[in-house]
Amino acid sequence: MFNKETYISRRSELKRLVGKGLIILFGNNESPYNYPANGYAPMRQDSAFIYYFGSHRDGLVGVIDIDNDTDMLLGDDVSVEDIVWLGTVGSVKSLAESAGISVSLPVKQLAAIVRKAQAHGKEIHFLPPYRFDTQIAIMDLLGIHPSEQKEKASVKLIKAVVKMRSKKSAEEIEIIDRACDIGYLMHTKAMSLCREGVSEKYIAGQMDGIALSHSQAVSFPTICTQHGEIMHGIPKDAPLEGGRLLLCDAGCEKDDYCSDNTRTMPVSGKFTTQQREIYQIVVDCHDLALQMAKPGILWRDVHYAVCTLMATRLKELGLMKGDTDEAVAVGAHALFLPHGLGHMMGMDVHDMEGLGQNYVGFDDEVQPRLDQFGIDALRMGRRLEEGFVVTDEPGIYFIPALIDDWRDKGLHTDFINYEKIEPYRDFGGIRIEDDVLVTSAGARFLGTKRIPYYIADVEKFMEENKQQSNS
């Protein structure tokens, strides 16, 4: 938690941006795993609630009355029975005071506050809910059915939150740097364990253990697979096979802020010629994005520049053909790169995605393109600003089902050499991902240590840091 002045300042700016009305920000409740007393742990507080109210306790609601310039924290103090099992926690009043709030009330007062605001014709602002208990609370308070709540959420509030959370402060950046340093430990552990016979699950478990030991949790379920062509491949019990590639996409959540890195490594410790050729293309695309990123440039343009470089290099290998610019314009390259270059990152690994990707990654200047495979998965296209944190994550994937589908439909035959792709059917996929801070001078990697990703560095690290496993 930051000092209370940070939260006072944030709420003041939020009031200014929204203008008038009553803002309700719901904190999260405990979420049961398989019966009420066995909850997912640790409880994950709602990011917007943390940002403006700072507290991680369950069962809280933050209310901001813009017209009366009053901030309130609502919640119920824990009982003696709760203290027996969970220990003493701060009172709602003390939690409010630590965030610079003088008004604390029981949760049952929320309905009366809302009724009074409605009686005075005030607009009630709430964010799109993503948990069922919050949806039920909104339905009870405002009479809006869960199926209509996303549509009726306050656009003014969404845009204000996006505007504020998109640009990270120095104190936020410091925490993200620390989260990325833990990411370094996670990914270098994977590299040290990666070899024939070790299971995907064992490596993923070791990575998760580092996250749990040094931070709150993983920032998303760890991806660790020899089938890198599957975007979100979960780790399995199958042992690693010599000659294949292992793709690890993982991060941690440190003091409410995330890291998100991906590395792809050769199980045998050395890349084959075929693997080196594809891997080097991804490296060059990754570095191009870092070189281009700076305030004022459209991230969409960086994405297309990466796609153009990728298509050019794939042509050199004979996998693509024809006019490169035309191939990228019609989306032929998306056979190999079916996702966008990256996304915003911060308190959420896909930062604020729950508020609506069209508000977070796009704006009035840049709208998402939803009519073309590949570019329809671009999560971020807007103009970069100093303080933005984005992921730089190009990849090349050989997805047999997608290759067969496109070939059977005769798609992009002017640009794709399907016969040349056949020897790559069992290749898997390669992705390299780092977290990037946009600075006044351009951009920099986040984290004080760089996870190896150049070919020579990966092979050298794996050779010098082999570890025994108990898998």
Protein backbone atom coordinates (compact mmCIF):
# COMPACT_ATOMS: atom_id res chain seq x y z
CA MET A 1 0.00 0.00 0.00
CA PHE A 2 1.24 3.47 -0.88
CA ASN A 3 0.94 6.44 1.48
CA LYS A 4 -2.53 7.88 1.94
CA GLU A 5 -1.72 11.00 -0.11
CA THR A 6 -1.44 8.79 -3.20
CA TYR A 7 -5.01 7.52 -2.78
CA ILE A 8 -6.39 10.95 -1.90
CA SER A 9 -4.80 12.35 -5.06
CA ARG A 10 -6.10 9.51 -7.21
CA ARG A 11 -9.67 9.88 -5.97
CA SER A 12 -9.52 13.64 -6.45
CA GLU A 13 -8.42 13.20 -10.05
CA LEU A 14 -11.11 10.59 -10.62
CA LYS A 15 -13.75 13.03 -9.41
CA ARG A 16 -12.45 15.68 -11.77
CA LEU A 17 -12.52 13.33 -14.75
CA VAL A 18 -15.96 11.84 -14.11
CA GLY A 19 -17.47 15.22 -13.23
CA LYS A 20 -20.59 14.46 -11.19
CA GLY A 21 -22.63 11.69 -9.64
CA LEU A 22 -21.94 8.78 -7.31
CA ILE A 23 -19.13 6.31 -7.99
CA ILE A 24 -19.35 2.79 -6.53
CA LEU A 25 -16.25 0.59 -6.63
CA PHE A 26 -16.81 -2.93 -5.38
CA GLY A 27 -14.04 -4.81 -3.67
CA ASN A 28 -13.87 -8.57 -4.09
CA ASN A 29 -15.03 -11.27 -1.70
CA GLU A 30 -13.42 -14.59 -0.92
CA SER A 31 -13.98 -17.06 -3.75
CA PRO A 32 -14.66 -20.71 -2.76
CA TYR A 33 -12.55 -23.39 -4.38
CA ASN A 34 -14.81 -26.39 -3.79
CA TYR A 35 -16.71 -25.59 -0.59
CA PRO A 36 -17.35 -22.32 1.30
CA ALA A 37 -14.52 -22.49 3.82
CA ASN A 38 -11.89 -23.61 1.28
CA GLY A 39 -11.21 -20.47 -0.70
CA TYR A 40 -8.75 -19.62 -3.42
CA ALA A 41 -5.75 -18.15 -1.66
CA PRO A 42 -4.55 -15.55 -1.40
CA MET A 43 -7.71 -13.59 -2.10
CA ARG A 44 -7.23 -11.27 -5.06
CA GLN A 45 -8.69 -7.83 -4.50
CA ASP A 46 -10.22 -5.93 -7.41
CA SER A 47 -7.55 -3.83 -9.10
CA ALA A 48 -9.60 -0.65 -9.44
CA PHE A 49 -10.57 -0.89 -5.78
CA ILE A 50 -6.92 -1.27 -4.76
CA TYR A 51 -5.92 1.64 -6.99
CA TYR A 52 -8.31 4.10 -5.32
CA PHE A 53 -8.81 2.64 -1.82
CA GLY A 54 -5.66 0.60 -1.15
CA SER A 55 -7.18 -2.15 0.99
CA HIS A 56 -6.90 -5.89 0.35
CA ARG A 57 -9.55 -7.03 2.80
CA ASP A 58 -12.61 -8.81 1.47
CA GLY A 59 -16.16 -7.52 1.73
CA LEU A 60 -15.46 -3.83 1.15
CA VAL A 61 -17.12 -1.23 -1.09
CA GLY A 62 -15.74 2.18 -1.93
CA VAL A 63 -18.12 5.06 -2.58
CA ILE A 64 -17.16 8.46 -3.98
CA ASP A 65 -19.82 11.18 -3.88
CA ILE A 66 -18.45 13.63 -6.42
CA ASP A 67 -21.06 16.35 -5.86
CA ASN A 68 -20.47 16.46 -2.09
CA ASP A 69 -16.72 15.75 -2.36
CA THR A 70 -17.06 12.85 0.06
CA ASP A 71 -15.22 9.52 0.02
CA MET A 72 -16.56 6.55 1.96
CA LEU A 73 -15.37 3.05 2.77
CA LEU A 74 -18.09 0.54 3.59
CA GLY A 75 -17.51 -2.81 5.24
CA ASP A 76 -18.22 -4.87 8.33
CA ASP A 77 -15.67 -5.45 11.06
CA VAL A 78 -14.73 -9.09 11.56
CA SER A 79 -16.18 -11.13 14.39
CA VAL A 80 -14.32 -12.85 17.22
CA GLU A 81 -15.03 -16.16 15.48
CA ASP A 82 -13.25 -14.89 12.36
CA ILE A 83 -10.30 -13.71 14.45
CA VAL A 84 -9.95 -17.18 15.96
CA TRP A 85 -9.37 -18.70 12.53
CA LEU A 86 -7.81 -15.86 10.59
CA GLY A 87 -6.24 -13.54 13.12
CA THR A 88 -6.87 -9.90 13.90
CA VAL A 89 -7.32 -7.52 11.00
CA GLY A 90 -7.69 -3.78 10.98
CA SER A 91 -11.10 -2.22 11.54
CA VAL A 92 -12.92 -0.70 8.58
CA LYS A 93 -12.33 2.69 10.18
CA SER A 94 -8.56 2.12 10.33
CA LEU A 95 -8.50 0.87 6.74
CA ALA A 96 -10.36 4.01 5.68
CA GLU A 97 -7.99 6.27 7.56
CA SER A 98 -4.94 4.62 6.00
CA ALA A 99 -6.33 5.64 2.58
CA GLY A 100 -7.16 9.18 3.71
CA ILE A 101 -10.89 8.58 4.17
CA SER A 102 -12.79 9.96 7.18
CA VAL A 103 -16.14 8.24 6.58
CA SER A 104 -16.50 4.50 7.24
CA LEU A 105 -19.85 2.72 7.40
CA PRO A 106 -21.34 -0.77 7.58
CA VAL A 107 -22.13 -2.37 4.21
CA LYS A 108 -25.87 -2.29 4.94
CA GLN A 109 -25.74 1.51 4.57
CA LEU A 110 -24.90 1.21 0.85
CA ALA A 111 -28.53 0.75 -0.20
CA ALA A 112 -29.58 3.92 1.63
CA ILE A 113 -26.73 5.90 0.08
CA VAL A 114 -27.76 4.74 -3.39
CA ARG A 115 -31.46 5.47 -2.81
CA LYS A 116 -30.64 9.00 -1.61
CA ALA A 117 -28.45 9.63 -4.66
CA GLN A 118 -31.19 8.36 -6.98
CA ALA A 119 -33.77 10.55 -5.24
CA HIS A 120 -31.60 13.57 -6.06
CA GLY A 121 -31.28 12.48 -9.68
CA LYS A 122 -27.61 11.59 -9.45
CA GLU A 123 -25.99 9.35 -12.02
CA ILE A 124 -24.67 6.14 -10.47
CA HIS A 125 -21.31 5.12 -11.91
CA PHE A 126 -20.04 1.54 -11.74
CA LEU A 127 -17.48 -0.51 -13.67
CA PRO A 128 -18.31 -3.67 -15.66
CA PRO A 129 -18.44 -6.50 -13.09
CA TYR A 130 -16.64 -9.79 -13.70
CA ARG A 131 -17.69 -11.75 -10.59
CA PHE A 132 -21.15 -13.16 -10.03
CA ASP A 133 -21.46 -11.88 -6.45
CA THR A 134 -20.78 -8.34 -7.65
CA GLN A 135 -23.34 -8.76 -10.41
CA ILE A 136 -25.92 -9.82 -7.83
CA ALA A 137 -25.04 -6.82 -5.63
CA ILE A 138 -25.52 -4.44 -8.56
CA MET A 139 -28.84 -6.08 -9.44
CA ASP A 140 -30.04 -5.71 -5.83
CA LEU A 141 -28.90 -2.09 -5.63
CA LEU A 142 -29.83 -0.78 -9.06
CA GLY A 143 -32.25 -3.32 -10.49
CA ILE A 144 -30.02 -3.97 -13.49
CA HIS A 145 -29.92 -7.59 -14.60
CA PRO A 146 -26.42 -9.11 -14.93
CA SER A 147 -26.95 -9.58 -18.67
CA GLU A 148 -27.28 -5.78 -19.04
CA GLN A 149 -24.60 -4.60 -16.60
CA LYS A 150 -21.66 -4.53 -19.02
CA GLU A 151 -23.67 -2.41 -21.42
CA LYS A 152 -24.94 -0.09 -18.68
CA ALA A 153 -21.63 0.38 -16.89
CA SER A 154 -20.46 3.99 -16.79
CA VAL A 155 -18.42 4.88 -19.86
CA LYS A 156 -17.32 8.08 -18.13
CA LEU A 157 -15.92 6.07 -15.24
CA ILE A 158 -14.31 3.48 -17.52
CA LYS A 159 -12.53 6.15 -19.56
CA ALA A 160 -11.39 7.99 -16.44
CA VAL A 161 -9.94 4.84 -14.85
CA VAL A 162 -8.21 3.87 -18.11
CA LYS A 163 -6.73 7.34 -18.47
CA MET A 164 -5.33 7.29 -14.96
CA ARG A 165 -4.09 3.70 -14.77
CA SER A 166 -2.50 3.66 -18.25
CA LYS A 167 0.33 5.97 -17.18
CA LYS A 168 2.39 4.44 -14.40
CA SER A 169 3.92 6.59 -11.69
CA ALA A 170 7.51 6.26 -10.50
CA GLU A 171 6.40 4.27 -7.44
CA GLU A 172 4.40 1.88 -9.64
CA ILE A 173 7.31 1.41 -12.04
CA GLU A 174 9.60 0.58 -9.14
CA ILE A 175 7.29 -2.27 -8.12
CA ILE A 176 6.96 -3.58 -11.69
CA ASP A 177 10.75 -3.63 -11.93
CA ARG A 178 10.81 -5.82 -8.81
CA ALA A 179 8.13 -8.10 -10.24
CA CYS A 180 10.19 -8.49 -13.41
CA ASP A 181 13.25 -9.38 -11.33
CA ILE A 182 11.24 -12.23 -9.83
CA GLY A 183 10.25 -13.15 -13.38
CA TYR A 184 13.96 -13.42 -14.12
CA LEU A 185 14.33 -15.99 -11.33
CA MET A 186 11.35 -17.93 -12.65
CA HIS A 187 12.51 -18.12 -16.25
CA THR A 188 16.16 -18.79 -15.54
CA LYS A 189 15.05 -21.64 -13.26
CA ALA A 190 13.14 -23.08 -16.22
CA MET A 191 16.24 -22.79 -18.41
CA SER A 192 18.40 -24.51 -15.81
CA LEU A 193 15.96 -27.44 -15.55
CA CYS A 194 15.08 -27.79 -19.23
CA ARG A 195 16.41 -31.04 -20.61
CA GLU A 196 15.23 -34.39 -21.88
CA GLY A 197 13.17 -36.42 -19.40
CA VAL A 198 12.07 -33.57 -17.12
CA SER A 199 8.32 -33.00 -17.22
CA GLU A 200 6.59 -29.78 -18.22
CA LYS A 201 4.64 -29.88 -14.95
CA TYR A 202 7.78 -30.11 -12.85
CA ILE A 203 9.33 -27.06 -14.49
CA ALA A 204 6.09 -25.10 -14.24
CA GLY A 205 5.78 -26.07 -10.58
CA GLN A 206 9.28 -24.83 -9.85
CA MET A 207 8.48 -21.52 -11.57
CA ASP A 208 5.25 -21.16 -9.62
CA GLY A 209 7.08 -21.94 -6.40
CA ILE A 210 9.47 -19.05 -6.99
CA ALA A 211 6.53 -16.72 -7.61
CA LEU A 212 4.81 -17.84 -4.41
CA SER A 213 8.03 -17.57 -2.42
CA HIS A 214 8.91 -14.04 -3.54
CA SER A 215 5.56 -12.43 -4.36
CA GLN A 216 1.80 -12.72 -3.93
CA ALA A 217 1.18 -15.23 -6.70
CA VAL A 218 1.64 -15.94 -10.37
CA SER A 219 0.08 -13.21 -12.50
CA PHE A 220 -1.71 -15.83 -14.64
CA PRO A 221 -1.64 -19.64 -14.95
CA THR A 222 1.84 -20.60 -16.09
CA ILE A 223 2.21 -21.74 -19.70
CA CYS A 224 4.95 -24.34 -20.03
CA THR A 225 4.75 -26.64 -23.04
CA GLN A 226 6.59 -28.36 -25.86
CA HIS A 227 3.58 -27.48 -27.98
CA GLY A 228 4.32 -23.81 -28.25
CA GLU A 229 1.93 -23.58 -31.18
CA ILE A 230 -0.86 -23.67 -28.56
CA MET A 231 -1.13 -20.09 -27.34
CA HIS A 232 -2.16 -21.00 -23.80
CA GLY A 233 -0.75 -24.52 -23.53
CA ILE A 234 -1.01 -25.85 -19.99
CA PRO A 235 1.87 -27.94 -18.60
CA LYS A 236 1.42 -31.70 -18.77
CA ASP A 237 3.08 -34.72 -17.18
CA ALA A 238 4.76 -35.71 -20.44
CA PRO A 239 8.59 -35.68 -20.25
CA LEU A 240 10.53 -33.27 -22.44
CA GLU A 241 11.81 -34.77 -25.66
CA GLY A 242 15.23 -34.12 -27.17
CA GLY A 243 15.10 -32.00 -30.30
CA ARG A 244 11.92 -30.15 -29.30
CA LEU A 245 11.42 -26.60 -28.02
CA LEU A 246 9.99 -25.67 -24.61
CA LEU A 247 7.95 -22.47 -24.44
CA CYS A 248 7.48 -20.90 -20.99
CA ASP A 249 5.15 -17.91 -20.59
CA ALA A 250 4.92 -16.88 -16.95
CA GLY A 251 5.02 -14.00 -14.51
CA CYS A 252 4.36 -13.01 -10.93
CA GLU A 253 2.33 -10.46 -9.05
CA LYS A 254 4.39 -8.38 -6.64
CA ASP A 255 2.62 -5.86 -4.40
CA ASP A 256 -0.35 -5.81 -6.82
CA TYR A 257 1.70 -5.29 -10.01
CA CYS A 258 2.56 -7.90 -12.60
CA SER A 259 5.37 -9.24 -14.72
CA ASP A 260 4.88 -11.26 -17.91
CA ASN A 261 7.75 -12.83 -19.85
CA THR A 262 8.08 -15.61 -22.39
CA ARG A 263 11.16 -17.56 -23.35
CA THR A 264 11.55 -20.48 -25.74
CA MET A 265 14.47 -22.86 -25.26
CA PRO A 266 15.85 -26.00 -26.90
CA VAL A 267 15.32 -29.14 -24.83
CA SER A 268 18.64 -30.50 -26.10
CA GLY A 269 20.47 -27.35 -25.04
CA LYS A 270 21.33 -26.40 -28.63
CA PHE A 271 19.03 -25.09 -31.34
CA THR A 272 18.83 -27.08 -34.54
CA THR A 273 19.46 -25.24 -37.82
CA GLN A 274 15.73 -25.09 -38.51
CA GLN A 275 15.02 -23.81 -35.01
CA ARG A 276 17.79 -21.22 -35.18
CA GLU A 277 16.43 -19.77 -38.41
CA ILE A 278 12.92 -19.28 -37.05
CA TYR A 279 14.10 -18.22 -33.60
CA GLN A 280 16.35 -15.49 -35.02
CA ILE A 281 13.41 -13.99 -36.90
CA VAL A 282 11.46 -13.72 -33.64
CA VAL A 283 14.49 -12.16 -31.91
CA ASP A 284 14.81 -9.53 -34.62
CA CYS A 285 11.08 -8.75 -34.51
CA HIS A 286 11.25 -8.44 -30.71
CA ASP A 287 14.18 -6.02 -30.91
CA LEU A 288 12.56 -3.99 -33.70
CA ALA A 289 9.55 -3.33 -31.47
CA LEU A 290 11.80 -2.14 -28.64
CA GLN A 291 13.70 0.16 -31.03
CA MET A 292 10.50 1.69 -32.44
CA ALA A 293 8.61 2.18 -29.17
CA LYS A 294 8.53 5.81 -28.04
CA PRO A 295 5.98 8.46 -27.08
CA GLY A 296 3.78 9.49 -29.99
CA ILE A 297 4.09 6.36 -32.13
CA LEU A 298 1.07 4.14 -32.72
CA TRP A 299 1.57 0.67 -31.26
CA ARG A 300 -0.51 -0.58 -34.19
CA ASP A 301 2.20 0.72 -36.53
CA VAL A 302 4.85 -1.11 -34.51
CA HIS A 303 2.77 -4.27 -34.84
CA TYR A 304 2.59 -3.91 -38.63
CA ALA A 305 6.31 -3.17 -38.87
CA VAL A 306 7.02 -6.39 -36.98
CA CYS A 307 4.63 -8.30 -39.24
CA THR A 308 6.38 -6.91 -42.33
CA LEU A 309 9.81 -7.88 -41.07
CA MET A 310 8.54 -11.34 -40.19
CA ALA A 311 6.96 -11.87 -43.61
CA THR A 312 10.13 -10.67 -45.35
CA ARG A 313 12.28 -13.12 -43.44
CA LEU A 314 9.83 -15.98 -43.93
CA LYS A 315 10.02 -15.28 -47.66
CA GLU A 316 13.79 -15.71 -47.46
CA LEU A 317 13.19 -19.19 -46.02
CA GLY A 318 10.70 -19.97 -48.77
CA LEU A 319 7.70 -20.22 -46.44
CA MET A 320 6.06 -17.10 -47.83
CA LYS A 321 6.14 -15.54 -51.28
CA GLY A 322 4.78 -12.66 -53.34
CA ASP A 323 4.58 -8.98 -52.43
CA THR A 324 5.33 -8.57 -48.73
CA ASP A 325 3.28 -5.43 -48.13
CA GLU A 326 0.27 -6.94 -49.87
CA ALA A 327 0.66 -10.18 -47.90
CA VAL A 328 0.61 -8.29 -44.60
CA ALA A 329 -2.29 -6.09 -45.72
CA VAL A 330 -4.51 -9.13 -46.37
CA GLY A 331 -3.30 -10.93 -43.25
CA ALA A 332 -1.46 -13.84 -44.86
CA HIS A 333 1.31 -13.59 -42.22
CA ALA A 334 -1.26 -14.38 -39.51
CA LEU A 335 -0.89 -18.06 -40.35
CA PHE A 336 2.38 -17.75 -38.41
CA LEU A 337 1.45 -14.88 -36.02
CA PRO A 338 -2.24 -15.13 -35.09
CA HIS A 339 -2.07 -12.63 -32.22
CA GLY A 340 -1.12 -9.02 -31.63
CA LEU A 341 2.31 -7.73 -30.71
CA GLY A 342 1.45 -7.07 -27.09
CA HIS A 343 -0.89 -5.60 -24.50
CA MET A 344 -0.94 -3.07 -21.69
CA MET A 345 0.32 -4.38 -18.36
CA GLY A 346 0.21 -3.17 -14.78
CA MET A 347 -1.99 -4.25 -11.91
CA ASP A 348 -3.56 -6.78 -14.26
CA VAL A 349 -1.37 -8.79 -16.57
CA HIS A 350 -3.74 -7.74 -19.38
CA ASP A 351 -4.17 -4.39 -17.75
CA MET A 352 -7.80 -3.28 -17.30
CA GLU A 353 -9.00 -5.78 -19.90
CA GLY A 354 -12.14 -6.29 -17.83
CA LEU A 355 -13.12 -2.67 -18.52
CA GLY A 356 -13.33 -3.39 -22.24
CA GLN A 357 -10.39 -3.79 -24.59
CA ASN A 358 -11.76 -1.13 -26.92
CA TYR A 359 -11.31 1.43 -24.14
CA VAL A 360 -7.92 0.19 -22.94
CA GLY A 361 -6.00 -0.59 -26.11
CA PHE A 362 -7.87 1.69 -28.49
CA ASP A 363 -9.44 5.11 -28.57
CA ASP A 364 -11.21 7.58 -30.86
CA GLU A 365 -8.09 7.81 -33.03
CA VAL A 366 -7.40 4.09 -33.38
CA GLN A 367 -10.23 1.59 -33.50
CA PRO A 368 -9.78 -2.20 -33.44
CA ARG A 369 -10.06 -4.11 -36.69
CA LEU A 370 -12.33 -7.07 -36.17
CA ASP A 371 -12.77 -8.34 -39.71
CA GLN A 372 -9.38 -9.98 -40.29
CA PHE A 373 -7.85 -13.00 -38.61
CA GLY A 374 -4.76 -12.10 -36.57
CA ILE A 375 -5.25 -8.36 -36.36
CA ASP A 376 -8.58 -9.03 -34.64
CA ALA A 377 -6.50 -10.31 -31.71
CA LEU A 378 -4.46 -7.09 -31.43
CA ARG A 379 -5.15 -5.93 -27.88
CA MET A 380 -3.26 -2.65 -28.12
CA GLY A 381 -3.09 -0.19 -31.00
CA ARG A 382 -3.24 3.31 -29.52
CA ARG A 383 -0.57 5.99 -29.52
CA LEU A 384 2.12 5.42 -26.91
CA GLU A 385 2.63 7.86 -24.05
CA GLU A 386 5.40 8.21 -21.51
CA GLY A 387 4.60 5.95 -18.57
CA PHE A 388 2.81 3.25 -20.57
CA VAL A 389 3.84 -0.33 -19.86
CA VAL A 390 3.33 -2.73 -22.76
CA THR A 391 4.45 -6.24 -23.59
CA ASP A 392 6.67 -6.88 -26.61
CA GLU A 393 5.84 -10.45 -27.63
CA PRO A 394 6.20 -11.48 -31.26
CA GLY A 395 6.05 -15.17 -32.11
CA ILE A 396 6.06 -17.65 -34.96
CA TYR A 397 3.86 -20.72 -34.70
CA PHE A 398 3.20 -23.73 -36.88
CA ILE A 399 -0.34 -24.83 -36.05
CA PRO A 400 -1.20 -27.99 -38.04
CA ALA A 401 -4.98 -27.56 -37.81
CA LEU A 402 -4.77 -23.93 -38.97
CA ILE A 403 -2.35 -24.80 -41.80
CA ASP A 404 -4.68 -27.56 -43.02
CA ASP A 405 -7.74 -25.32 -42.76
CA TRP A 406 -6.20 -22.50 -44.78
CA ARG A 407 -4.73 -24.85 -47.38
CA ASP A 408 -8.04 -26.73 -47.81
CA LYS A 409 -9.85 -23.41 -48.28
CA GLY A 410 -7.21 -22.17 -50.72
CA LEU A 411 -6.48 -19.10 -48.61
CA HIS A 412 -3.61 -16.77 -49.51
CA THR A 413 -2.02 -19.14 -52.03
CA ASP A 414 -0.31 -16.13 -53.63
CA PHE A 415 1.61 -15.53 -50.42
CA ILE A 416 2.00 -18.86 -48.62
CA ASN A 417 4.07 -21.79 -49.85
CA TYR A 418 2.17 -24.65 -48.27
CA GLU A 419 4.52 -27.33 -49.60
CA LYS A 420 7.50 -25.69 -47.92
CA ILE A 421 5.62 -25.58 -44.62
CA GLU A 422 5.18 -29.37 -44.45
CA PRO A 423 8.60 -30.04 -42.82
CA TYR A 424 7.59 -27.62 -40.02
CA ARG A 425 4.32 -29.30 -39.03
CA ASP A 426 5.80 -30.67 -35.80
CA PHE A 427 7.95 -27.60 -35.10
CA GLY A 428 5.76 -26.13 -32.35
CA GLY A 429 6.09 -22.43 -31.70
CA ILE A 430 8.44 -19.70 -30.56
CA ARG A 431 7.55 -16.59 -28.59
CA ILE A 432 9.85 -14.08 -26.90
CA GLU A 433 8.22 -11.61 -24.55
CA ASP A 434 9.43 -8.77 -22.37
CA ASP A 435 7.77 -5.96 -20.47
CA VAL A 436 8.58 -2.49 -21.81
CA LEU A 437 8.27 0.94 -20.23
CA VAL A 438 7.74 3.88 -22.57
CA THR A 439 10.07 6.69 -21.47
CA SER A 440 10.64 10.24 -22.67
CA ALA A 441 13.68 9.00 -24.61
CA GLY A 442 12.09 5.89 -26.11
CA ALA A 443 11.59 2.66 -24.20
CA ARG A 444 13.38 0.33 -21.84
CA PHE A 445 13.03 -3.20 -20.56
CA LEU A 446 11.52 -3.48 -17.12
CA GLY A 447 13.50 -5.38 -14.52
CA THR A 448 17.16 -4.99 -13.60
CA LYS A 449 18.19 -8.38 -15.00
CA ARG A 450 17.71 -9.59 -18.55
CA ILE A 451 16.46 -13.11 -19.06
CA PRO A 452 18.71 -14.55 -21.83
CA TYR A 453 17.07 -14.60 -25.23
CA TYR A 454 19.80 -14.27 -27.86
CA ILE A 455 20.71 -17.67 -29.26
CA ALA A 456 24.29 -17.74 -27.98
CA ASP A 457 23.22 -16.46 -24.55
CA VAL A 458 20.44 -19.05 -24.16
CA GLU A 459 22.70 -21.94 -25.15
CA LYS A 460 25.51 -20.72 -22.91
CA PHE A 461 23.23 -20.21 -19.91
CA MET A 462 21.68 -23.66 -20.30
CA GLU A 463 25.09 -25.30 -20.56
CA GLU A 464 26.54 -23.49 -17.54
CA ASN A 465 23.48 -23.71 -15.27
CA LYS A 466 22.20 -27.27 -15.61
CA GLN A 467 20.41 -28.38 -12.46
CA GLN A 468 19.31 -31.79 -11.30
CA SER A 469 15.59 -32.35 -10.82
CA ASN A 470 13.49 -34.79 -8.88
CA SER A 471 10.92 -35.17 -11.62
